[in-house]
């Protein structure tokens, strides 16, 4: 289980355009999946208030993961479950991510 906050560089702090925020979230997701050689099995746009996010599940021969990423102001929030112990239950996702 991991919860991380990244303060985005000054070059991105003025991103107010919804499309640009989504693009940054997609890039973050793609980088994470590429690093761990994960294939996305589920993906959807989500929100906290007016703030955009992406939820996705992905897997490889080694790992299963469920991730929610949000951008709020100049912060990127990443809430992640990563396991090598098989499928992540809906109960665990509800408990930790939602």
C-alpha atoms as a PDB file:
ATOM      1  CA  UNK A   1       0.000   0.000   0.000  1.00  0.00           C
ATOM      2  CA  UNK A   2       1.355   3.418  -0.904  1.00  0.00           C
ATOM      3  CA  UNK A   3       0.176   6.984  -0.658  1.00  0.00           C
ATOM      4  CA  UNK A   4       2.408   9.597  -2.297  1.00  0.00           C
ATOM      5  CA  UNK A   5       2.193  13.317  -2.906  1.00  0.00           C
ATOM      6  CA  UNK A   6       4.334  14.971  -5.558  1.00  0.00           C
ATOM      7  CA  UNK A   7       4.628  18.738  -5.670  1.00  0.00           C
ATOM      8  CA  UNK A   8       4.653  19.459  -9.375  1.00  0.00           C
ATOM      9  CA  UNK A   9       7.421  21.655 -10.831  1.00  0.00           C
ATOM     10  CA  UNK A  10       6.756  25.351 -11.325  1.00  0.00           C
ATOM     11  CA  UNK A  11       6.464  24.747 -15.040  1.00  0.00           C
ATOM     12  CA  UNK A  12       3.236  22.806 -14.390  1.00  0.00           C
ATOM     13  CA  UNK A  13       1.727  24.714 -11.469  1.00  0.00           C
ATOM     14  CA  UNK A  14      -0.368  26.947 -13.691  1.00  0.00           C
ATOM     15  CA  UNK A  15      -2.102  24.062 -15.433  1.00  0.00           C
ATOM     16  CA  UNK A  16      -5.724  25.061 -15.139  1.00  0.00           C
ATOM     17  CA  UNK A  17      -6.939  23.483 -18.344  1.00  0.00           C
ATOM     18  CA  UNK A  18      -8.781  20.213 -17.657  1.00  0.00           C
ATOM     19  CA  UNK A  19      -7.382  18.641 -20.829  1.00  0.00           C
ATOM     20  CA  UNK A  20      -3.780  19.367 -19.757  1.00  0.00           C
ATOM     21  CA  UNK A  21      -4.393  17.910 -16.293  1.00  0.00           C
ATOM     22  CA  UNK A  22      -5.817  14.727 -17.818  1.00  0.00           C
ATOM     23  CA  UNK A  23      -2.826  14.548 -20.154  1.00  0.00           C
ATOM     24  CA  UNK A  24      -0.444  14.764 -17.179  1.00  0.00           C
ATOM     25  CA  UNK A  25      -2.392  12.023 -15.357  1.00  0.00           C
ATOM     26  CA  UNK A  26      -2.251   9.771 -18.434  1.00  0.00           C
ATOM     27  CA  UNK A  27       1.514  10.331 -18.752  1.00  0.00           C
ATOM     28  CA  UNK A  28       1.985   9.438 -15.079  1.00  0.00           C
ATOM     29  CA  UNK A  29      -0.069   6.267 -15.519  1.00  0.00           C
ATOM     30  CA  UNK A  30       1.793   5.258 -18.666  1.00  0.00           C
ATOM     31  CA  UNK A  31       5.198   5.814 -17.039  1.00  0.00           C
ATOM     32  CA  UNK A  32       4.262   3.742 -13.986  1.00  0.00           C
ATOM     33  CA  UNK A  33       2.982   0.889 -16.151  1.00  0.00           C
ATOM     34  CA  UNK A  34       6.011   0.964 -18.450  1.00  0.00           C
ATOM     35  CA  UNK A  35       8.442   0.892 -15.506  1.00  0.00           C
ATOM     36  CA  UNK A  36       6.815  -2.263 -14.081  1.00  0.00           C
ATOM     37  CA  UNK A  37       5.871  -3.774 -17.477  1.00  0.00           C
ATOM     38  CA  UNK A  38       2.189  -3.712 -16.540  1.00  0.00           C
ATOM     39  CA  UNK A  39      -0.755  -4.101 -18.902  1.00  0.00           C
ATOM     40  CA  UNK A  40      -3.832  -2.010 -18.081  1.00  0.00           C
ATOM     41  CA  UNK A  41      -6.911  -4.152 -17.438  1.00  0.00           C
ATOM     42  CA  UNK A  42      -9.339  -1.416 -16.317  1.00  0.00           C
ATOM     43  CA  UNK A  43      -9.329   2.372 -16.502  1.00  0.00           C
ATOM     44  CA  UNK A  44     -11.755   5.218 -15.817  1.00  0.00           C
ATOM     45  CA  UNK A  45     -11.743   8.940 -15.161  1.00  0.00           C
ATOM     46  CA  UNK A  46     -12.614   9.890 -11.580  1.00  0.00           C
ATOM     47  CA  UNK A  47     -12.963  13.116  -9.586  1.00  0.00           C
ATOM     48  CA  UNK A  48     -12.567  14.513  -6.113  1.00  0.00           C
ATOM     49  CA  UNK A  49     -14.754  17.590  -6.153  1.00  0.00           C
ATOM     50  CA  UNK A  50     -13.659  19.612  -9.189  1.00  0.00           C
ATOM     51  CA  UNK A  51     -10.291  17.845  -9.382  1.00  0.00           C
ATOM     52  CA  UNK A  52      -9.638  15.301 -12.142  1.00  0.00           C
ATOM     53  CA  UNK A  53      -8.207  11.861 -11.588  1.00  0.00           C
ATOM     54  CA  UNK A  54      -7.633   8.476 -13.161  1.00  0.00           C
ATOM     55  CA  UNK A  55      -8.302   5.083 -11.602  1.00  0.00           C
ATOM     56  CA  UNK A  56      -6.743   2.042 -13.207  1.00  0.00           C
ATOM     57  CA  UNK A  57      -5.965  -1.586 -12.572  1.00  0.00           C
ATOM     58  CA  UNK A  58      -3.031  -3.280 -14.262  1.00  0.00           C
ATOM     59  CA  UNK A  59      -1.142  -6.542 -14.120  1.00  0.00           C
ATOM     60  CA  UNK A  60       1.970  -8.374 -15.263  1.00  0.00           C
ATOM     61  CA  UNK A  61       3.322 -11.850 -14.677  1.00  0.00           C
ATOM     62  CA  UNK A  62       4.729 -10.540 -11.357  1.00  0.00           C
ATOM     63  CA  UNK A  63       2.309  -7.888 -10.095  1.00  0.00           C
ATOM     64  CA  UNK A  64      -1.289  -6.769  -9.729  1.00  0.00           C
ATOM     65  CA  UNK A  65      -2.021  -3.120  -9.012  1.00  0.00           C
ATOM     66  CA  UNK A  66      -4.892  -0.720  -8.435  1.00  0.00           C
ATOM     67  CA  UNK A  67      -4.109   3.003  -8.581  1.00  0.00           C
ATOM     68  CA  UNK A  68      -5.955   6.299  -8.179  1.00  0.00           C
ATOM     69  CA  UNK A  69      -4.102   9.452  -9.274  1.00  0.00           C
ATOM     70  CA  UNK A  70      -5.474  12.981  -8.752  1.00  0.00           C
ATOM     71  CA  UNK A  71      -4.243  16.489  -9.442  1.00  0.00           C
ATOM     72  CA  UNK A  72      -5.251  19.048  -6.831  1.00  0.00           C
ATOM     73  CA  UNK A  73      -3.738  22.516  -7.298  1.00  0.00           C
ATOM     74  CA  UNK A  74       0.010  21.916  -7.797  1.00  0.00           C
ATOM     75  CA  UNK A  75      -0.024  18.457  -6.193  1.00  0.00           C
ATOM     76  CA  UNK A  76      -0.200  14.999  -7.760  1.00  0.00           C
ATOM     77  CA  UNK A  77      -1.703  12.460  -5.341  1.00  0.00           C
ATOM     78  CA  UNK A  78      -1.029   8.774  -6.000  1.00  0.00           C
ATOM     79  CA  UNK A  79      -2.864   6.094  -4.028  1.00  0.00           C
ATOM     80  CA  UNK A  80      -1.570   2.646  -4.933  1.00  0.00           C
ATOM     81  CA  UNK A  81      -2.028  -0.997  -4.029  1.00  0.00           C
ATOM     82  CA  UNK A  82       0.710  -3.186  -5.534  1.00  0.00           C
ATOM     83  CA  UNK A  83       0.980  -6.894  -4.812  1.00  0.00           C
ATOM     84  CA  UNK A  84       2.608 -10.056  -6.068  1.00  0.00           C
ATOM     85  CA  UNK A  85       0.015 -12.105  -4.162  1.00  0.00           C
ATOM     86  CA  UNK A  86      -2.731 -12.405  -6.787  1.00  0.00           C
ATOM     87  CA  UNK A  87      -5.898 -10.427  -7.545  1.00  0.00           C
ATOM     88  CA  UNK A  88      -6.726  -7.303  -5.513  1.00  0.00           C
ATOM     89  CA  UNK A  89     -10.224  -7.604  -4.092  1.00  0.00           C
ATOM     90  CA  UNK A  90     -12.906  -4.974  -4.550  1.00  0.00           C
ATOM     91  CA  UNK A  91     -13.071  -4.754  -0.737  1.00  0.00           C
ATOM     92  CA  UNK A  92      -9.378  -3.792  -0.530  1.00  0.00           C
ATOM     93  CA  UNK A  93      -9.817  -1.180  -3.269  1.00  0.00           C
ATOM     94  CA  UNK A  94     -12.853   0.259  -1.496  1.00  0.00           C
ATOM     95  CA  UNK A  95     -11.070   0.288   1.861  1.00  0.00           C
ATOM     96  CA  UNK A  96      -7.773   1.876   0.783  1.00  0.00           C
ATOM     97  CA  UNK A  97      -8.396   3.796  -2.436  1.00  0.00           C
ATOM     98  CA  UNK A  98     -12.024   4.925  -2.280  1.00  0.00           C
END
